[in-house]
Amino acid sequence: MTQNYTEIDQLAEKFGGRYKLTVLIQKRLKELVKGGQKLVDLEDRNLINIVMEEIRQGKVTFEGLELEGEKEGKKSKKKSD
């Protein structure tokens, strides 16, 4: 399962650029490594391929992921209160 640059460019445009797409992939990959459940039925054992298929199918978005900066910001805010 290989991606061509056209597909990557289209996905990057959808998510606001290559950097944001990369962050999305990294965050979702981290969830799967920690034992998160796959959102697609794919026999592939390569987690990056699984994440890419989840993104293609629209099952992964930024709203569905808690970014580390947000999590840390919440903790630090509570400590200062």
N, C-alpha and C. Protein backbone atom coordinates (compact mmCIF):
# COMPACT_ATOMS: atom_id res chain seq x y z
N MET A 1 0.84 -1.17 0.00
CA MET A 1 0.00 0.00 0.00
C MET A 1 0.89 1.24 0.00
N THR A 2 1.09 1.85 -1.11
CA THR A 2 1.95 3.03 -1.19
C THR A 2 1.13 4.26 -1.56
N GLN A 3 1.55 5.40 -1.05
CA GLN A 3 0.89 6.64 -1.36
C GLN A 3 1.72 7.38 -2.40
N ASN A 4 1.05 8.04 -3.32
CA ASN A 4 1.78 8.87 -4.25
C ASN A 4 1.71 10.31 -3.76
N TYR A 5 2.56 11.16 -4.27
CA TYR A 5 2.63 12.53 -3.79
C TYR A 5 1.33 13.29 -4.02
N THR A 6 0.60 12.96 -5.04
CA THR A 6 -0.67 13.63 -5.31
C THR A 6 -1.64 13.39 -4.15
N GLU A 7 -1.73 12.17 -3.69
CA GLU A 7 -2.62 11.86 -2.58
C GLU A 7 -2.17 12.58 -1.30
N ILE A 8 -0.88 12.56 -1.03
CA ILE A 8 -0.34 13.24 0.16
C ILE A 8 -0.63 14.73 0.07
N ASP A 9 -0.42 15.31 -1.08
CA ASP A 9 -0.70 16.74 -1.27
C ASP A 9 -2.18 17.05 -1.03
N GLN A 10 -3.06 16.19 -1.52
CA GLN A 10 -4.50 16.40 -1.33
C GLN A 10 -4.87 16.31 0.16
N LEU A 11 -4.33 15.33 0.84
CA LEU A 11 -4.60 15.20 2.27
C LEU A 11 -4.03 16.38 3.03
N ALA A 12 -2.82 16.81 2.67
CA ALA A 12 -2.20 17.96 3.33
C ALA A 12 -3.06 19.20 3.15
N GLU A 13 -3.57 19.40 1.98
CA GLU A 13 -4.41 20.56 1.70
C GLU A 13 -5.69 20.51 2.55
N LYS A 14 -6.24 19.33 2.70
CA LYS A 14 -7.47 19.14 3.48
C LYS A 14 -7.26 19.51 4.95
N PHE A 15 -6.05 19.22 5.47
CA PHE A 15 -5.78 19.45 6.89
C PHE A 15 -4.99 20.72 7.16
N GLY A 16 -4.75 21.52 6.14
CA GLY A 16 -4.09 22.81 6.37
C GLY A 16 -2.59 22.80 6.17
N GLY A 17 -2.07 21.83 5.44
CA GLY A 17 -0.65 21.80 5.13
C GLY A 17 0.02 20.50 5.56
N ARG A 18 1.22 20.33 5.04
CA ARG A 18 1.96 19.09 5.34
C ARG A 18 2.32 18.98 6.82
N TYR A 19 2.65 20.10 7.44
CA TYR A 19 3.02 20.06 8.86
C TYR A 19 1.84 19.55 9.69
N LYS A 20 0.66 20.11 9.46
CA LYS A 20 -0.52 19.69 10.24
C LYS A 20 -0.88 18.23 9.96
N LEU A 21 -0.74 17.81 8.72
CA LEU A 21 -0.99 16.41 8.39
C LEU A 21 0.00 15.51 9.13
N THR A 22 1.25 15.92 9.16
CA THR A 22 2.29 15.15 9.85
C THR A 22 1.98 15.05 11.34
N VAL A 23 1.55 16.15 11.94
CA VAL A 23 1.20 16.14 13.35
C VAL A 23 0.03 15.20 13.60
N LEU A 24 -0.97 15.25 12.73
CA LEU A 24 -2.13 14.36 12.86
C LEU A 24 -1.69 12.90 12.79
N ILE A 25 -0.86 12.58 11.82
CA ILE A 25 -0.37 11.21 11.67
C ILE A 25 0.39 10.78 12.92
N GLN A 26 1.27 11.65 13.40
CA GLN A 26 2.09 11.33 14.57
C GLN A 26 1.24 11.11 15.81
N LYS A 27 0.26 11.96 16.04
CA LYS A 27 -0.59 11.84 17.23
C LYS A 27 -1.42 10.55 17.17
N ARG A 28 -1.98 10.26 16.02
CA ARG A 28 -2.78 9.04 15.89
C ARG A 28 -1.92 7.79 16.01
N LEU A 29 -0.75 7.84 15.42
CA LEU A 29 0.19 6.73 15.52
C LEU A 29 0.55 6.46 16.98
N LYS A 30 0.77 7.51 17.73
CA LYS A 30 1.10 7.38 19.15
C LYS A 30 -0.05 6.70 19.91
N GLU A 31 -1.30 7.05 19.56
CA GLU A 31 -2.45 6.40 20.19
C GLU A 31 -2.46 4.90 19.90
N LEU A 32 -2.20 4.55 18.65
CA LEU A 32 -2.20 3.12 18.28
C LEU A 32 -1.08 2.37 18.97
N VAL A 33 0.08 2.96 19.07
CA VAL A 33 1.22 2.32 19.74
C VAL A 33 0.89 2.06 21.21
N LYS A 34 0.15 2.99 21.82
CA LYS A 34 -0.23 2.85 23.22
C LYS A 34 -1.40 1.90 23.42
N GLY A 35 -1.90 1.29 22.34
CA GLY A 35 -2.96 0.30 22.45
C GLY A 35 -4.32 0.76 21.98
N GLY A 36 -4.39 1.91 21.34
CA GLY A 36 -5.67 2.39 20.82
C GLY A 36 -6.23 1.44 19.78
N GLN A 37 -7.55 1.45 19.65
CA GLN A 37 -8.22 0.55 18.72
C GLN A 37 -8.21 1.12 17.31
N LYS A 38 -7.96 0.25 16.34
CA LYS A 38 -8.02 0.66 14.92
C LYS A 38 -9.44 1.05 14.57
N LEU A 39 -9.56 2.06 13.72
CA LEU A 39 -10.86 2.54 13.28
C LEU A 39 -11.25 2.01 11.91
N VAL A 40 -10.36 1.23 11.30
CA VAL A 40 -10.61 0.64 9.99
C VAL A 40 -10.32 -0.85 10.05
N ASP A 41 -10.98 -1.59 9.18
CA ASP A 41 -10.73 -3.02 9.08
C ASP A 41 -9.67 -3.24 8.01
N LEU A 42 -8.43 -3.33 8.45
CA LEU A 42 -7.31 -3.46 7.53
C LEU A 42 -6.38 -4.53 8.07
N GLU A 43 -6.02 -5.48 7.24
CA GLU A 43 -5.17 -6.59 7.66
C GLU A 43 -3.71 -6.19 7.80
N ASP A 44 -3.34 -5.04 7.27
CA ASP A 44 -1.96 -4.56 7.31
C ASP A 44 -1.50 -4.38 8.75
N ARG A 45 -0.29 -4.81 9.07
CA ARG A 45 0.25 -4.66 10.42
C ARG A 45 1.06 -3.37 10.56
N ASN A 46 1.33 -2.70 9.45
CA ASN A 46 2.07 -1.45 9.48
C ASN A 46 1.16 -0.33 9.99
N LEU A 47 1.49 0.21 11.17
CA LEU A 47 0.62 1.19 11.79
C LEU A 47 0.47 2.48 10.97
N ILE A 48 1.49 2.86 10.25
CA ILE A 48 1.40 4.07 9.43
C ILE A 48 0.37 3.86 8.32
N ASN A 49 0.36 2.68 7.72
CA ASN A 49 -0.65 2.39 6.69
C ASN A 49 -2.06 2.41 7.28
N ILE A 50 -2.19 1.93 8.50
CA ILE A 50 -3.49 1.94 9.17
C ILE A 50 -3.93 3.38 9.42
N VAL A 51 -3.03 4.22 9.93
CA VAL A 51 -3.35 5.63 10.18
C VAL A 51 -3.73 6.33 8.88
N MET A 52 -2.97 6.09 7.83
CA MET A 52 -3.28 6.73 6.55
C MET A 52 -4.66 6.32 6.04
N GLU A 53 -5.03 5.07 6.21
CA GLU A 53 -6.35 4.61 5.77
C GLU A 53 -7.44 5.25 6.64
N GLU A 54 -7.19 5.38 7.93
CA GLU A 54 -8.15 6.06 8.81
C GLU A 54 -8.36 7.50 8.36
N ILE A 55 -7.28 8.17 7.99
CA ILE A 55 -7.37 9.56 7.53
C ILE A 55 -8.11 9.62 6.20
N ARG A 56 -7.78 8.73 5.27
CA ARG A 56 -8.45 8.68 3.97
C ARG A 56 -9.96 8.53 4.14
N GLN A 57 -10.37 7.69 5.08
CA GLN A 57 -11.79 7.42 5.28
C GLN A 57 -12.46 8.49 6.15
N GLY A 58 -11.69 9.46 6.60
CA GLY A 58 -12.26 10.55 7.40
C GLY A 58 -12.59 10.16 8.83
N LYS A 59 -11.96 9.11 9.32
CA LYS A 59 -12.25 8.64 10.67
C LYS A 59 -11.34 9.26 11.72
N VAL A 60 -10.33 10.00 11.29
CA VAL A 60 -9.40 10.67 12.21
C VAL A 60 -9.36 12.14 11.85
N THR A 61 -9.60 12.98 12.83
CA THR A 61 -9.51 14.43 12.66
C THR A 61 -8.82 15.02 13.88
N PHE A 62 -8.46 16.28 13.80
CA PHE A 62 -7.83 16.93 14.95
C PHE A 62 -8.79 16.99 16.13
N GLU A 63 -10.08 17.14 15.86
CA GLU A 63 -11.06 17.22 16.94
C GLU A 63 -11.10 15.93 17.75
N GLY A 64 -10.80 14.81 17.11
CA GLY A 64 -10.84 13.53 17.80
C GLY A 64 -9.59 13.21 18.60
N LEU A 65 -8.56 14.02 18.46
CA LEU A 65 -7.31 13.76 19.15
C LEU A 65 -7.04 14.88 20.15
N GLU A 66 -6.56 14.51 21.33
CA GLU A 66 -6.16 15.51 22.30
C GLU A 66 -4.67 15.76 22.11
N LEU A 67 -4.33 16.95 21.71
CA LEU A 67 -2.94 17.29 21.47
C LEU A 67 -2.22 17.49 22.79
N GLU A 68 -0.95 17.09 22.86
CA GLU A 68 -0.19 17.17 24.09
C GLU A 68 -0.14 18.57 24.67
N GLY A 69 0.03 19.57 23.84
CA GLY A 69 0.09 20.95 24.31
C GLY A 69 -1.19 21.35 25.02
N GLU A 70 -2.33 20.89 24.52
CA GLU A 70 -3.61 21.19 25.16
C GLU A 70 -3.69 20.50 26.51
N LYS A 71 -3.25 19.26 26.56
CA LYS A 71 -3.28 18.49 27.80
C LYS A 71 -2.40 19.15 28.85
N GLU A 72 -1.18 19.53 28.45
CA GLU A 72 -0.24 20.16 29.37
C GLU A 72 -0.76 21.53 29.81
N GLY A 73 -1.36 22.26 28.89
CA GLY A 73 -1.91 23.57 29.21
C GLY A 73 -2.99 23.47 30.27
N LYS A 74 -3.83 22.45 30.19
CA LYS A 74 -4.88 22.24 31.16
C LYS A 74 -4.29 21.92 32.53
N LYS A 75 -3.28 21.07 32.55
CA LYS A 75 -2.66 20.70 33.82
C LYS A 75 -1.98 21.90 34.45
N SER A 76 -1.22 22.65 33.69
CA SER A 76 -0.48 23.77 34.25
C SER A 76 -1.44 24.86 34.73
N LYS A 77 -2.57 25.01 34.06
CA LYS A 77 -3.55 26.01 34.47
C LYS A 77 -4.14 25.62 35.82
N LYS A 78 -4.44 24.35 35.99
CA LYS A 78 -5.00 23.89 37.26
C LYS A 78 -4.02 24.09 38.42
N LYS A 79 -2.74 23.85 38.15
CA LYS A 79 -1.73 24.01 39.19
C LYS A 79 -1.62 25.44 39.67
N SER A 80 -1.81 26.40 38.78
CA SER A 80 -1.64 27.80 39.15
C SER A 80 -2.87 28.37 39.84
N ASP A 81 -4.01 27.67 39.74
CA ASP A 81 -5.25 28.16 40.38
C ASP A 81 -5.27 27.92 41.87
